Amino acid sequence: MVSVEVPRPVEEVFDFIVEPGLLASYFVSEASGPLVVGAHVTWTFDEGPPVEVDVDAVETNRLVVFRWGEARVTITLAPEGPGRTKVSIDDDEHRARWQRMLLGLKARMAFGIDLRA
């Protein structure tokens, strides 16, 4: 499991995880749709093949669960005081990728920068 604390309210952080345009501002090059229950979404990256994501569960401002190939990925969000959110991702198979995602999320939301640039 990897985690990071983001200095933004949980509602804003949740949107940056599930909304395709916001997700593309720090992690993917393109997402074919939002992460909603039952969705089949394609994530495209600058490098490597596209990834197919099938969404199993979403609890607004709290949880997103999806399948990426054989891996089951769980993203949890928890308020950590006024205007702060702890984001955790559980998936040991793609740990390095999730660490990059969380660092990119924090950089984008805290400082307005894209670490991929």
C-alpha atoms as a PDB file:
ATOM      1  CA  MET A   1       0.000   0.000   0.000  1.00  0.00           C
ATOM      2  CA  VAL A   2       1.153   3.525  -0.793  1.00  0.00           C
ATOM      3  CA  SER A   3      -0.234   6.733   0.724  1.00  0.00           C
ATOM      4  CA  VAL A   4       0.132  10.490   0.570  1.00  0.00           C
ATOM      5  CA  GLU A   5      -1.460  13.441   2.315  1.00  0.00           C
ATOM      6  CA  VAL A   6      -2.813  16.105  -0.039  1.00  0.00           C
ATOM      7  CA  PRO A   7      -3.448  19.624   1.306  1.00  0.00           C
ATOM      8  CA  ARG A   8      -6.915  19.866  -0.263  1.00  0.00           C
ATOM      9  CA  PRO A   9     -10.440  18.892   0.864  1.00  0.00           C
ATOM     10  CA  VAL A  10     -11.546  15.312   0.206  1.00  0.00           C
ATOM     11  CA  GLU A  11     -14.229  16.438  -2.287  1.00  0.00           C
ATOM     12  CA  GLU A  12     -11.630  18.078  -4.533  1.00  0.00           C
ATOM     13  CA  VAL A  13      -9.206  15.166  -4.289  1.00  0.00           C
ATOM     14  CA  PHE A  14     -11.959  12.673  -5.166  1.00  0.00           C
ATOM     15  CA  ASP A  15     -12.765  14.644  -8.334  1.00  0.00           C
ATOM     16  CA  PHE A  16      -9.081  14.575  -9.382  1.00  0.00           C
ATOM     17  CA  ILE A  17      -9.174  10.773  -9.144  1.00  0.00           C
ATOM     18  CA  VAL A  18     -12.462  10.003 -10.928  1.00  0.00           C
ATOM     19  CA  GLU A  19     -12.845  12.775 -13.546  1.00  0.00           C
ATOM     20  CA  PRO A  20     -11.011  12.081 -16.836  1.00  0.00           C
ATOM     21  CA  GLY A  21      -9.847  15.650 -17.537  1.00  0.00           C
ATOM     22  CA  LEU A  22      -8.496  16.127 -14.033  1.00  0.00           C
ATOM     23  CA  LEU A  23      -6.827  12.685 -14.017  1.00  0.00           C
ATOM     24  CA  ALA A  24      -5.116  13.638 -17.298  1.00  0.00           C
ATOM     25  CA  SER A  25      -3.683  16.756 -15.667  1.00  0.00           C
ATOM     26  CA  TYR A  26      -1.213  14.710 -13.606  1.00  0.00           C
ATOM     27  CA  PHE A  27      -1.328  10.941 -14.320  1.00  0.00           C
ATOM     28  CA  VAL A  28      -2.659   9.660 -17.656  1.00  0.00           C
ATOM     29  CA  SER A  29      -2.452  11.272 -21.090  1.00  0.00           C
ATOM     30  CA  GLU A  30      -6.110  10.518 -21.666  1.00  0.00           C
ATOM     31  CA  ALA A  31      -8.974   8.713 -19.936  1.00  0.00           C
ATOM     32  CA  SER A  32     -11.951   7.586 -22.011  1.00  0.00           C
ATOM     33  CA  GLY A  33     -14.464   8.304 -19.246  1.00  0.00           C
ATOM     34  CA  PRO A  34     -15.033   8.879 -15.543  1.00  0.00           C
ATOM     35  CA  LEU A  35     -14.542   6.201 -12.904  1.00  0.00           C
ATOM     36  CA  VAL A  36     -18.139   5.273 -12.102  1.00  0.00           C
ATOM     37  CA  VAL A  37     -19.567   1.895 -11.082  1.00  0.00           C
ATOM     38  CA  GLY A  38     -19.736  -0.473 -14.045  1.00  0.00           C
ATOM     39  CA  ALA A  39     -17.565   1.683 -16.322  1.00  0.00           C
ATOM     40  CA  HIS A  40     -14.993   0.201 -18.687  1.00  0.00           C
ATOM     41  CA  VAL A  41     -12.369   2.933 -19.101  1.00  0.00           C
ATOM     42  CA  THR A  42      -9.248   3.084 -21.231  1.00  0.00           C
ATOM     43  CA  TRP A  43      -6.274   4.981 -19.833  1.00  0.00           C
ATOM     44  CA  THR A  44      -3.625   6.098 -22.306  1.00  0.00           C
ATOM     45  CA  PHE A  45      -0.110   7.022 -21.174  1.00  0.00           C
ATOM     46  CA  ASP A  46       2.695   8.891 -22.931  1.00  0.00           C
ATOM     47  CA  GLU A  47       4.705   5.670 -22.858  1.00  0.00           C
ATOM     48  CA  GLY A  48       3.547   2.088 -23.069  1.00  0.00           C
ATOM     49  CA  PRO A  49       0.302   0.494 -24.144  1.00  0.00           C
ATOM     50  CA  PRO A  50      -3.149   1.711 -23.048  1.00  0.00           C
ATOM     51  CA  VAL A  51      -4.620   0.160 -19.908  1.00  0.00           C
ATOM     52  CA  GLU A  52      -8.177  -1.129 -19.554  1.00  0.00           C
ATOM     53  CA  VAL A  53      -9.851  -0.374 -16.213  1.00  0.00           C
ATOM     54  CA  ASP A  54     -13.157  -1.893 -15.045  1.00  0.00           C
ATOM     55  CA  VAL A  55     -14.774  -0.075 -12.118  1.00  0.00           C
ATOM     56  CA  ASP A  56     -16.321  -2.282  -9.428  1.00  0.00           C
ATOM     57  CA  ALA A  57     -17.222   0.183  -6.663  1.00  0.00           C
ATOM     58  CA  VAL A  58     -17.325   3.902  -5.981  1.00  0.00           C
ATOM     59  CA  GLU A  59     -18.311   5.638  -2.764  1.00  0.00           C
ATOM     60  CA  THR A  60     -18.258   9.390  -3.321  1.00  0.00           C
ATOM     61  CA  ASN A  61     -15.382  11.104  -1.485  1.00  0.00           C
ATOM     62  CA  ARG A  62     -14.329   7.833   0.153  1.00  0.00           C
ATOM     63  CA  LEU A  63     -13.525   4.861  -2.127  1.00  0.00           C
ATOM     64  CA  VAL A  64     -12.813   3.735  -5.702  1.00  0.00           C
ATOM     65  CA  VAL A  65     -12.249   0.054  -6.564  1.00  0.00           C
ATOM     66  CA  PHE A  66     -11.322  -1.153 -10.046  1.00  0.00           C
ATOM     67  CA  ARG A  67      -9.659  -4.008 -11.894  1.00  0.00           C
ATOM     68  CA  TRP A  68      -6.546  -3.440 -13.975  1.00  0.00           C
ATOM     69  CA  GLY A  69      -5.834  -6.737 -15.702  1.00  0.00           C
ATOM     70  CA  GLU A  70      -5.605  -9.327 -12.948  1.00  0.00           C
ATOM     71  CA  ALA A  71      -4.955  -6.717 -10.245  1.00  0.00           C
ATOM     72  CA  ARG A  72      -7.685  -5.321  -8.013  1.00  0.00           C
ATOM     73  CA  VAL A  73      -6.925  -1.723  -7.043  1.00  0.00           C
ATOM     74  CA  THR A  74      -8.486   0.022  -4.051  1.00  0.00           C
ATOM     75  CA  ILE A  75      -8.158   3.777  -3.582  1.00  0.00           C
ATOM     76  CA  THR A  76      -9.339   5.135  -0.235  1.00  0.00           C
ATOM     77  CA  LEU A  77      -9.684   8.754   0.808  1.00  0.00           C
ATOM     78  CA  ALA A  78      -9.939  10.024   4.372  1.00  0.00           C
ATOM     79  CA  PRO A  79     -10.145  13.566   5.745  1.00  0.00           C
ATOM     80  CA  GLU A  80      -7.026  14.378   7.775  1.00  0.00           C
ATOM     81  CA  GLY A  81      -8.086  17.640   9.385  1.00  0.00           C
ATOM     82  CA  PRO A  82      -9.305  20.875   7.830  1.00  0.00           C
ATOM     83  CA  GLY A  83      -8.604  20.922   4.103  1.00  0.00           C
ATOM     84  CA  ARG A  84      -6.363  17.818   4.088  1.00  0.00           C
ATOM     85  CA  THR A  85      -6.933  14.357   2.651  1.00  0.00           C
ATOM     86  CA  LYS A  86      -5.050  11.093   3.033  1.00  0.00           C
ATOM     87  CA  VAL A  87      -5.117   9.025  -0.166  1.00  0.00           C
ATOM     88  CA  SER A  88      -4.084   5.365  -0.028  1.00  0.00           C
ATOM     89  CA  ILE A  89      -3.791   2.880  -2.883  1.00  0.00           C
ATOM     90  CA  ASP A  90      -3.701  -0.844  -2.258  1.00  0.00           C
ATOM     91  CA  ASP A  91      -2.221  -2.888  -5.134  1.00  0.00           C
ATOM     92  CA  ASP A  92       1.213  -4.408  -4.655  1.00  0.00           C
ATOM     93  CA  GLU A  93       1.477  -5.436  -8.317  1.00  0.00           C
ATOM     94  CA  HIS A  94       1.766  -1.849  -9.626  1.00  0.00           C
ATOM     95  CA  ARG A  95       3.224  -0.163  -6.537  1.00  0.00           C
ATOM     96  CA  ALA A  96       5.736   2.067  -8.369  1.00  0.00           C
ATOM     97  CA  ARG A  97       3.064   3.359 -10.757  1.00  0.00           C
ATOM     98  CA  TRP A  98       0.736   4.226  -7.868  1.00  0.00           C
ATOM     99  CA  GLN A  99       3.536   6.015  -6.038  1.00  0.00           C
ATOM    100  CA  ARG A 100       4.064   8.152  -9.155  1.00  0.00           C
ATOM    101  CA  MET A 101       0.321   8.791  -9.361  1.00  0.00           C
ATOM    102  CA  LEU A 102       0.126   9.964  -5.752  1.00  0.00           C
ATOM    103  CA  LEU A 103       3.186  12.204  -6.074  1.00  0.00           C
ATOM    104  CA  GLY A 104       1.718  13.664  -9.265  1.00  0.00           C
ATOM    105  CA  LEU A 105      -1.640  14.225  -7.551  1.00  0.00           C
ATOM    106  CA  LYS A 106      -0.041  16.046  -4.637  1.00  0.00           C
ATOM    107  CA  ALA A 107       2.189  18.174  -6.875  1.00  0.00           C
ATOM    108  CA  ARG A 108      -0.778  19.155  -9.064  1.00  0.00           C
ATOM    109  CA  MET A 109      -3.147  19.926  -6.201  1.00  0.00           C
ATOM    110  CA  ALA A 110      -0.693  21.543  -3.777  1.00  0.00           C
ATOM    111  CA  PHE A 111       1.525  23.475  -6.205  1.00  0.00           C
ATOM    112  CA  GLY A 112      -0.260  23.436  -9.573  1.00  0.00           C
ATOM    113  CA  ILE A 113       2.600  21.652 -11.321  1.00  0.00           C
ATOM    114  CA  ASP A 114       2.708  18.602 -13.575  1.00  0.00           C
ATOM    115  CA  LEU A 115       5.656  16.383 -12.674  1.00  0.00           C
ATOM    116  CA  ARG A 116       5.506  14.782 -16.131  1.00  0.00           C
ATOM    117  CA  ALA A 117       6.523  18.032 -17.869  1.00  0.00           C
END
